[in-house]
């Protein structure tokens, strides 16, 4: 079983004490997110560590062009919902940038919707969001706003 704390400690991202402190401060967050929110590490460091540990690639999106025809094969709503950016084709798969290598449900759903096999690479969430907005334009902003409103409505219903 994958132990995120052990991975982060063994790669020098955080000490056991920092992990304990971040976990206590943000008990409802996964430990990597808690460490980032506590200011004890950066998202980039965590993603590079996960990429190394999981045999994935960490990418800087500014260095990778996104093919519009590949992006068009995915519903904008789902791209915003999961913050996953389809980039290009590679050996029969579509390379997609994600900020969460553990959200397998998102990858499975996008694969099922598109009918395509996906190859995830890791990138910073902020960079993915910015590139999605740039590529989907104003219509993308509208979808993002509607998704945010929907999430707020769901939260209100649950409370």
N, C-alpha and C. Protein backbone atom coordinates (compact mmCIF):
# COMPACT_ATOMS: atom_id res chain seq x y z
N UNK A 1 0.84 -1.18 0.00
CA UNK A 1 0.00 0.00 0.00
C UNK A 1 0.89 1.25 0.00
N UNK A 2 0.48 2.24 -0.74
CA UNK A 2 1.24 3.47 -0.89
C UNK A 2 1.06 4.36 0.34
N UNK A 3 2.18 4.74 0.97
CA UNK A 3 2.12 5.62 2.13
C UNK A 3 2.71 6.97 1.72
N UNK A 4 1.84 7.96 1.57
CA UNK A 4 2.28 9.27 1.10
C UNK A 4 3.28 9.90 2.05
N UNK A 5 3.05 9.76 3.35
CA UNK A 5 3.97 10.35 4.32
C UNK A 5 5.38 9.79 4.15
N UNK A 6 5.48 8.47 4.00
CA UNK A 6 6.80 7.85 3.82
C UNK A 6 7.49 8.34 2.55
N UNK A 7 6.72 8.48 1.48
CA UNK A 7 7.30 8.99 0.23
C UNK A 7 7.83 10.40 0.43
N UNK A 8 7.03 11.25 1.06
CA UNK A 8 7.44 12.64 1.26
C UNK A 8 8.64 12.75 2.19
N UNK A 9 8.69 11.93 3.22
CA UNK A 9 9.82 11.94 4.15
C UNK A 9 11.08 11.41 3.45
N UNK A 10 10.96 10.29 2.74
CA UNK A 10 12.13 9.68 2.11
C UNK A 10 12.74 10.55 1.01
N UNK A 11 11.95 11.43 0.43
CA UNK A 11 12.46 12.33 -0.60
C UNK A 11 12.84 13.71 -0.04
N UNK A 12 12.80 13.84 1.26
CA UNK A 12 13.22 15.08 1.90
C UNK A 12 12.25 16.24 1.74
N UNK A 13 11.01 15.94 1.40
CA UNK A 13 10.01 17.00 1.23
C UNK A 13 9.56 17.52 2.58
N UNK A 14 9.46 16.63 3.56
CA UNK A 14 9.00 17.03 4.90
C UNK A 14 9.58 16.07 5.93
N UNK A 15 9.69 16.58 7.14
CA UNK A 15 10.13 15.74 8.26
C UNK A 15 8.90 15.10 8.90
N UNK A 16 9.10 14.06 9.70
CA UNK A 16 7.95 13.48 10.40
C UNK A 16 7.20 14.51 11.26
N UNK A 17 7.94 15.43 11.86
CA UNK A 17 7.32 16.46 12.68
C UNK A 17 6.47 17.41 11.83
N UNK A 18 6.97 17.78 10.66
CA UNK A 18 6.21 18.66 9.77
C UNK A 18 4.94 17.97 9.28
N UNK A 19 5.05 16.69 9.01
CA UNK A 19 3.87 15.93 8.57
C UNK A 19 2.84 15.86 9.69
N UNK A 20 3.30 15.61 10.90
CA UNK A 20 2.37 15.56 12.03
C UNK A 20 1.71 16.91 12.25
N UNK A 21 2.49 17.97 12.20
CA UNK A 21 1.97 19.32 12.40
C UNK A 21 0.94 19.69 11.33
N UNK A 22 1.28 19.43 10.07
CA UNK A 22 0.35 19.75 8.97
C UNK A 22 -0.92 18.91 9.07
N UNK A 23 -0.77 17.65 9.45
CA UNK A 23 -1.93 16.78 9.61
C UNK A 23 -2.86 17.25 10.71
N UNK A 24 -2.29 17.76 11.79
CA UNK A 24 -3.11 18.29 12.90
C UNK A 24 -3.77 19.60 12.50
N UNK A 25 -3.05 20.42 11.76
CA UNK A 25 -3.57 21.72 11.36
C UNK A 25 -4.67 21.61 10.30
N UNK A 26 -4.52 20.65 9.40
CA UNK A 26 -5.48 20.44 8.31
C UNK A 26 -5.92 18.97 8.29
N UNK A 27 -6.69 18.55 9.29
CA UNK A 27 -7.03 17.12 9.42
C UNK A 27 -7.90 16.57 8.29
N UNK A 28 -8.61 17.42 7.58
CA UNK A 28 -9.49 16.95 6.51
C UNK A 28 -8.81 16.91 5.15
N UNK A 29 -7.53 17.19 5.11
CA UNK A 29 -6.79 17.23 3.84
C UNK A 29 -5.86 16.03 3.73
N UNK A 30 -5.64 15.61 2.49
CA UNK A 30 -4.61 14.60 2.26
C UNK A 30 -3.28 15.23 2.69
N UNK A 31 -2.33 14.45 3.17
CA UNK A 31 -1.13 15.01 3.80
C UNK A 31 -0.31 15.90 2.87
N UNK A 32 -0.23 15.59 1.59
CA UNK A 32 0.53 16.45 0.68
C UNK A 32 -0.12 17.82 0.55
N UNK A 33 -1.44 17.84 0.48
CA UNK A 33 -2.18 19.11 0.39
C UNK A 33 -2.04 19.89 1.69
N UNK A 34 -2.08 19.18 2.82
CA UNK A 34 -1.92 19.84 4.12
C UNK A 34 -0.55 20.51 4.23
N UNK A 35 0.49 19.83 3.77
CA UNK A 35 1.84 20.40 3.81
C UNK A 35 1.94 21.66 2.94
N UNK A 36 1.33 21.62 1.77
CA UNK A 36 1.34 22.78 0.88
C UNK A 36 0.59 23.94 1.52
N UNK A 37 -0.60 23.66 2.04
CA UNK A 37 -1.41 24.72 2.66
C UNK A 37 -0.74 25.28 3.92
N UNK A 38 0.04 24.46 4.60
CA UNK A 38 0.75 24.93 5.79
C UNK A 38 2.01 25.71 5.41
N UNK A 39 2.33 25.75 4.12
CA UNK A 39 3.51 26.48 3.66
C UNK A 39 4.81 25.75 3.93
N UNK A 40 4.74 24.44 4.15
CA UNK A 40 5.94 23.67 4.46
C UNK A 40 6.62 23.10 3.22
N UNK A 41 5.94 23.17 2.09
CA UNK A 41 6.52 22.73 0.83
C UNK A 41 5.73 23.37 -0.30
N UNK A 42 6.15 23.10 -1.52
CA UNK A 42 5.44 23.65 -2.68
C UNK A 42 4.75 22.53 -3.45
N UNK A 43 3.74 22.90 -4.20
CA UNK A 43 3.05 21.92 -5.03
C UNK A 43 4.02 21.31 -6.03
N UNK A 44 4.88 22.12 -6.59
CA UNK A 44 5.85 21.63 -7.57
C UNK A 44 6.74 20.54 -6.98
N UNK A 45 7.25 20.77 -5.76
CA UNK A 45 8.10 19.77 -5.11
C UNK A 45 7.36 18.47 -4.87
N UNK A 46 6.13 18.58 -4.41
CA UNK A 46 5.32 17.39 -4.15
C UNK A 46 5.05 16.63 -5.45
N UNK A 47 4.66 17.36 -6.50
CA UNK A 47 4.35 16.71 -7.78
C UNK A 47 5.59 16.05 -8.39
N UNK A 48 6.73 16.70 -8.28
CA UNK A 48 7.96 16.10 -8.80
C UNK A 48 8.30 14.82 -8.03
N UNK A 49 8.07 14.85 -6.73
CA UNK A 49 8.31 13.66 -5.90
C UNK A 49 7.37 12.53 -6.28
N UNK A 50 6.08 12.85 -6.44
CA UNK A 50 5.12 11.83 -6.84
C UNK A 50 5.45 11.28 -8.23
N UNK A 51 5.82 12.16 -9.14
CA UNK A 51 6.18 11.71 -10.49
C UNK A 51 7.33 10.72 -10.41
N UNK A 52 8.34 11.05 -9.65
CA UNK A 52 9.50 10.18 -9.49
C UNK A 52 9.11 8.85 -8.85
N UNK A 53 8.29 8.89 -7.82
CA UNK A 53 7.90 7.68 -7.09
C UNK A 53 6.93 6.80 -7.87
N UNK A 54 6.10 7.41 -8.68
CA UNK A 54 5.06 6.67 -9.40
C UNK A 54 5.42 6.34 -10.85
N UNK A 55 6.63 6.75 -11.26
CA UNK A 55 7.05 6.49 -12.64
C UNK A 55 6.30 7.34 -13.65
N UNK A 56 5.93 8.54 -13.23
CA UNK A 56 5.21 9.46 -14.11
C UNK A 56 6.15 10.59 -14.51
N UNK A 57 5.65 11.48 -15.33
CA UNK A 57 6.42 12.64 -15.77
C UNK A 57 5.81 13.89 -15.16
N UNK A 58 6.68 14.80 -14.69
CA UNK A 58 6.24 16.12 -14.26
C UNK A 58 6.57 17.07 -15.40
N UNK A 59 5.60 17.92 -15.77
CA UNK A 59 5.82 18.81 -16.91
C UNK A 59 5.53 20.26 -16.53
N UNK A 60 6.22 21.14 -17.22
CA UNK A 60 5.92 22.57 -17.18
C UNK A 60 5.05 22.82 -18.40
N UNK A 61 3.83 23.23 -18.21
CA UNK A 61 2.89 23.36 -19.33
C UNK A 61 3.33 24.40 -20.35
N UNK A 62 4.11 25.37 -19.93
CA UNK A 62 4.58 26.39 -20.89
C UNK A 62 5.47 25.77 -21.96
N UNK A 63 6.04 24.59 -21.65
CA UNK A 63 6.93 23.92 -22.59
C UNK A 63 6.22 22.93 -23.50
N UNK A 64 4.92 22.71 -23.27
CA UNK A 64 4.20 21.67 -24.01
C UNK A 64 2.98 22.27 -24.70
N UNK A 65 2.94 22.20 -26.01
CA UNK A 65 1.75 22.71 -26.71
C UNK A 65 0.58 21.74 -26.54
N UNK A 66 -0.61 22.30 -26.56
CA UNK A 66 -1.83 21.49 -26.49
C UNK A 66 -2.48 21.51 -27.86
N UNK A 67 -2.88 20.35 -28.33
CA UNK A 67 -3.49 20.25 -29.65
C UNK A 67 -5.00 20.47 -29.52
N UNK A 68 -5.52 21.46 -30.21
CA UNK A 68 -6.94 21.80 -30.13
C UNK A 68 -7.85 20.63 -30.50
N UNK A 69 -7.45 19.87 -31.52
CA UNK A 69 -8.30 18.75 -31.94
C UNK A 69 -8.38 17.66 -30.86
N UNK A 70 -7.33 17.53 -30.06
CA UNK A 70 -7.37 16.58 -28.94
C UNK A 70 -8.26 17.14 -27.83
N UNK A 71 -8.10 18.40 -27.53
CA UNK A 71 -8.92 19.06 -26.51
C UNK A 71 -10.40 18.98 -26.86
N UNK A 72 -10.72 19.09 -28.13
CA UNK A 72 -12.12 19.08 -28.58
C UNK A 72 -12.80 17.72 -28.38
N UNK A 73 -12.04 16.69 -28.11
CA UNK A 73 -12.63 15.36 -27.92
C UNK A 73 -13.14 15.13 -26.49
N UNK A 74 -12.99 16.14 -25.65
CA UNK A 74 -13.41 16.03 -24.26
C UNK A 74 -14.42 17.12 -23.93
N UNK A 75 -15.46 16.82 -23.16
CA UNK A 75 -16.43 17.85 -22.78
C UNK A 75 -15.77 18.90 -21.87
N UNK A 76 -15.98 20.16 -22.19
CA UNK A 76 -15.39 21.25 -21.41
C UNK A 76 -15.79 21.15 -19.94
N UNK A 77 -17.03 20.77 -19.71
CA UNK A 77 -17.51 20.67 -18.32
C UNK A 77 -16.65 19.71 -17.50
N UNK A 78 -16.30 18.58 -18.09
CA UNK A 78 -15.50 17.58 -17.38
C UNK A 78 -14.05 18.04 -17.23
N UNK A 79 -13.55 18.75 -18.21
CA UNK A 79 -12.19 19.28 -18.12
C UNK A 79 -12.10 20.24 -16.93
N UNK A 80 -13.09 21.12 -16.80
CA UNK A 80 -13.12 22.04 -15.66
C UNK A 80 -13.37 21.30 -14.35
N UNK A 81 -14.28 20.37 -14.39
CA UNK A 81 -14.65 19.65 -13.16
C UNK A 81 -13.44 18.97 -12.53
N UNK A 82 -12.62 18.35 -13.35
CA UNK A 82 -11.49 17.59 -12.83
C UNK A 82 -10.16 18.33 -12.92
N UNK A 83 -10.14 19.50 -13.54
CA UNK A 83 -8.91 20.25 -13.77
C UNK A 83 -7.87 19.34 -14.41
N UNK A 84 -8.27 18.76 -15.52
CA UNK A 84 -7.38 17.90 -16.31
C UNK A 84 -7.33 18.46 -17.73
N UNK A 85 -6.12 18.65 -18.24
CA UNK A 85 -5.93 19.25 -19.55
C UNK A 85 -5.40 18.24 -20.57
N UNK A 86 -6.22 17.87 -21.56
CA UNK A 86 -5.71 17.02 -22.64
C UNK A 86 -4.67 17.80 -23.45
N UNK A 87 -3.52 17.17 -23.69
CA UNK A 87 -2.42 17.87 -24.35
C UNK A 87 -2.21 17.42 -25.80
N UNK A 88 -1.91 16.15 -25.99
CA UNK A 88 -1.59 15.65 -27.34
C UNK A 88 -1.66 14.13 -27.34
N UNK A 89 -1.58 13.57 -28.54
CA UNK A 89 -1.55 12.11 -28.68
C UNK A 89 -0.11 11.61 -28.62
N UNK A 90 0.03 10.41 -28.05
CA UNK A 90 1.35 9.79 -27.97
C UNK A 90 1.16 8.28 -27.97
N UNK A 91 1.59 7.63 -29.03
CA UNK A 91 1.50 6.17 -29.14
C UNK A 91 0.10 5.63 -28.86
N UNK A 92 -0.89 6.23 -29.45
CA UNK A 92 -2.26 5.74 -29.32
C UNK A 92 -2.98 6.17 -28.06
N UNK A 93 -2.34 6.95 -27.24
CA UNK A 93 -2.96 7.45 -26.01
C UNK A 93 -3.01 8.97 -26.08
N UNK A 94 -3.89 9.55 -25.26
CA UNK A 94 -3.92 11.00 -25.13
C UNK A 94 -3.22 11.36 -23.82
N UNK A 95 -2.19 12.18 -23.93
CA UNK A 95 -1.47 12.65 -22.75
C UNK A 95 -2.30 13.77 -22.12
N UNK A 96 -2.59 13.62 -20.82
CA UNK A 96 -3.38 14.61 -20.10
C UNK A 96 -2.61 15.08 -18.88
N UNK A 97 -2.66 16.38 -18.62
CA UNK A 97 -2.02 16.94 -17.44
C UNK A 97 -3.02 16.95 -16.29
N UNK A 98 -2.59 16.43 -15.15
CA UNK A 98 -3.40 16.43 -13.94
C UNK A 98 -2.53 16.89 -12.77
N UNK A 99 -3.17 17.41 -11.76
CA UNK A 99 -2.44 17.82 -10.56
C UNK A 99 -2.57 16.77 -9.46
N UNK A 100 -3.40 15.75 -9.70
CA UNK A 100 -3.65 14.74 -8.67
C UNK A 100 -3.49 13.34 -9.26
N UNK A 101 -2.33 12.72 -9.03
CA UNK A 101 -2.10 11.40 -9.61
C UNK A 101 -2.96 10.30 -8.97
N UNK A 102 -3.64 10.63 -7.89
CA UNK A 102 -4.42 9.63 -7.17
C UNK A 102 -5.91 9.70 -7.48
N UNK A 103 -6.32 10.64 -8.32
CA UNK A 103 -7.74 10.76 -8.68
C UNK A 103 -8.00 9.88 -9.91
N UNK A 104 -8.01 8.60 -9.66
CA UNK A 104 -8.19 7.64 -10.75
C UNK A 104 -9.61 7.67 -11.30
N UNK A 105 -10.57 8.04 -10.46
CA UNK A 105 -11.96 8.15 -10.93
C UNK A 105 -12.07 9.18 -12.05
N UNK A 106 -11.38 10.31 -11.89
CA UNK A 106 -11.43 11.36 -12.92
C UNK A 106 -10.85 10.84 -14.23
N UNK A 107 -9.72 10.17 -14.15
CA UNK A 107 -9.09 9.64 -15.36
C UNK A 107 -9.97 8.57 -16.01
N UNK A 108 -10.55 7.71 -15.19
CA UNK A 108 -11.44 6.67 -15.72
C UNK A 108 -12.66 7.28 -16.40
N UNK A 109 -13.24 8.31 -15.76
CA UNK A 109 -14.43 8.93 -16.34
C UNK A 109 -14.11 9.63 -17.66
N UNK A 110 -13.01 10.37 -17.70
CA UNK A 110 -12.64 11.04 -18.96
C UNK A 110 -12.32 10.03 -20.05
N UNK A 111 -11.71 8.93 -19.68
CA UNK A 111 -11.42 7.89 -20.66
C UNK A 111 -12.72 7.28 -21.19
N UNK A 112 -13.67 7.02 -20.29
CA UNK A 112 -14.96 6.44 -20.70
C UNK A 112 -15.75 7.40 -21.58
N UNK A 113 -15.76 8.68 -21.22
CA UNK A 113 -16.50 9.68 -21.98
C UNK A 113 -15.93 9.84 -23.39
N UNK A 114 -14.61 9.88 -23.47
CA UNK A 114 -13.95 10.13 -24.76
C UNK A 114 -13.74 8.86 -25.57
N UNK A 115 -13.73 7.72 -24.91
CA UNK A 115 -13.42 6.48 -25.60
C UNK A 115 -11.93 6.34 -25.91
N UNK A 116 -11.11 7.14 -25.25
CA UNK A 116 -9.67 7.15 -25.50
C UNK A 116 -8.89 6.66 -24.29
N UNK A 117 -7.73 6.09 -24.53
CA UNK A 117 -6.83 5.72 -23.44
C UNK A 117 -6.03 6.95 -23.05
N UNK A 118 -5.87 7.16 -21.75
CA UNK A 118 -5.19 8.36 -21.26
C UNK A 118 -3.85 8.01 -20.63
N UNK A 119 -2.91 8.91 -20.81
CA UNK A 119 -1.60 8.80 -20.17
C UNK A 119 -1.40 10.07 -19.34
N UNK A 120 -1.53 9.97 -18.01
CA UNK A 120 -1.41 11.18 -17.19
C UNK A 120 0.04 11.62 -16.98
N UNK A 121 0.22 12.93 -17.00
CA UNK A 121 1.46 13.57 -16.56
C UNK A 121 1.06 14.57 -15.49
N UNK A 122 2.00 14.95 -14.66
CA UNK A 122 1.68 15.86 -13.56
C UNK A 122 2.11 17.28 -13.87
N UNK A 123 1.27 18.22 -13.45
CA UNK A 123 1.54 19.65 -13.61
C UNK A 123 0.83 20.39 -12.48
N UNK A 124 1.29 21.59 -12.22
CA UNK A 124 0.68 22.40 -11.16
C UNK A 124 -0.77 22.73 -11.49
N UNK A 125 -1.63 22.68 -10.47
CA UNK A 125 -3.06 22.94 -10.65
C UNK A 125 -3.31 24.32 -11.26
N UNK A 126 -2.63 25.32 -10.75
CA UNK A 126 -2.81 26.69 -11.24
C UNK A 126 -2.46 26.79 -12.73
N UNK A 127 -1.39 26.12 -13.13
CA UNK A 127 -0.99 26.14 -14.54
C UNK A 127 -2.03 25.44 -15.42
N UNK A 128 -2.55 24.31 -14.94
CA UNK A 128 -3.57 23.60 -15.70
C UNK A 128 -4.81 24.48 -15.85
N UNK A 129 -5.25 25.08 -14.76
CA UNK A 129 -6.44 25.95 -14.81
C UNK A 129 -6.25 27.11 -15.79
N UNK A 130 -5.08 27.74 -15.74
CA UNK A 130 -4.81 28.86 -16.63
C UNK A 130 -4.83 28.42 -18.10
N UNK A 131 -4.22 27.29 -18.38
CA UNK A 131 -4.19 26.79 -19.76
C UNK A 131 -5.57 26.37 -20.24
N UNK A 132 -6.37 25.81 -19.36
CA UNK A 132 -7.74 25.45 -19.74
C UNK A 132 -8.50 26.70 -20.13
N UNK A 133 -8.41 27.74 -19.31
CA UNK A 133 -9.12 28.99 -19.61
C UNK A 133 -8.61 29.62 -20.90
N UNK A 134 -7.31 29.58 -21.13
CA UNK A 134 -6.76 30.14 -22.36
C UNK A 134 -7.27 29.38 -23.59
N UNK A 135 -7.34 28.08 -23.48
CA UNK A 135 -7.72 27.27 -24.64
C UNK A 135 -9.23 27.20 -24.86
N UNK A 136 -9.99 27.28 -23.79
CA UNK A 136 -11.44 27.21 -23.94
C UNK A 136 -12.09 28.58 -23.99
N UNK A 137 -11.34 29.62 -23.67
CA UNK A 137 -11.83 30.99 -23.81
C UNK A 137 -13.00 31.33 -22.92
N UNK A 138 -13.79 32.32 -23.34
CA UNK A 138 -14.90 32.84 -22.55
C UNK A 138 -15.91 31.75 -22.24
N UNK A 139 -16.19 30.90 -23.19
CA UNK A 139 -17.12 29.81 -22.95
C UNK A 139 -16.64 28.93 -21.81
N UNK A 140 -15.34 28.74 -21.75
CA UNK A 140 -14.76 27.96 -20.67
C UNK A 140 -14.95 28.62 -19.32
N UNK A 141 -14.80 29.95 -19.27
CA UNK A 141 -15.04 30.68 -18.03
C UNK A 141 -16.47 30.50 -17.56
N UNK A 142 -17.41 30.54 -18.49
CA UNK A 142 -18.82 30.37 -18.14
C UNK A 142 -19.07 28.99 -17.57
N UNK A 143 -18.49 27.98 -18.17
CA UNK A 143 -18.64 26.61 -17.66
C UNK A 143 -18.02 26.51 -16.28
N UNK A 144 -16.85 27.10 -16.10
CA UNK A 144 -16.19 27.06 -14.80
C UNK A 144 -17.06 27.71 -13.73
N UNK A 145 -17.66 28.86 -14.06
CA UNK A 145 -18.53 29.56 -13.12
C UNK A 145 -19.75 28.72 -12.77
N UNK A 146 -20.35 28.08 -13.77
CA UNK A 146 -21.51 27.22 -13.52
C UNK A 146 -21.13 26.03 -12.64
N UNK A 147 -19.96 25.47 -12.87
CA UNK A 147 -19.51 24.34 -12.05
C UNK A 147 -19.30 24.80 -10.61
N UNK A 148 -18.74 26.00 -10.41
CA UNK A 148 -18.54 26.52 -9.06
C UNK A 148 -19.87 26.73 -8.36
N UNK A 149 -20.85 27.28 -9.08
CA UNK A 149 -22.18 27.48 -8.49
C UNK A 149 -22.81 26.14 -8.13
N UNK A 150 -22.64 25.17 -9.00
CA UNK A 150 -23.20 23.84 -8.75
C UNK A 150 -22.58 23.25 -7.48
N UNK A 151 -21.28 23.39 -7.33
CA UNK A 151 -20.60 22.88 -6.14
C UNK A 151 -21.12 23.55 -4.89
N UNK A 152 -21.33 24.87 -4.96
CA UNK A 152 -21.86 25.60 -3.81
C UNK A 152 -23.25 25.11 -3.46
N UNK A 153 -24.08 24.85 -4.47
CA UNK A 153 -25.43 24.35 -4.24
C UNK A 153 -25.40 22.98 -3.58
N UNK A 154 -24.49 22.12 -4.02
CA UNK A 154 -24.37 20.80 -3.43
C UNK A 154 -23.94 20.89 -1.98
N UNK A 155 -23.04 21.82 -1.68
CA UNK A 155 -22.59 22.01 -0.31
C UNK A 155 -23.75 22.47 0.56
N UNK A 156 -24.54 23.41 0.06
CA UNK A 156 -25.68 23.89 0.82
C UNK A 156 -26.67 22.77 1.09
N UNK A 157 -26.88 21.89 0.12
CA UNK A 157 -27.81 20.79 0.29
C UNK A 157 -27.32 19.80 1.33
N UNK A 158 -26.01 19.62 1.42
CA UNK A 158 -25.45 18.67 2.35
C UNK A 158 -25.44 19.18 3.78
N UNK A 159 -25.47 20.47 3.96
CA UNK A 159 -25.37 21.03 5.31
C UNK A 159 -26.63 20.98 6.03
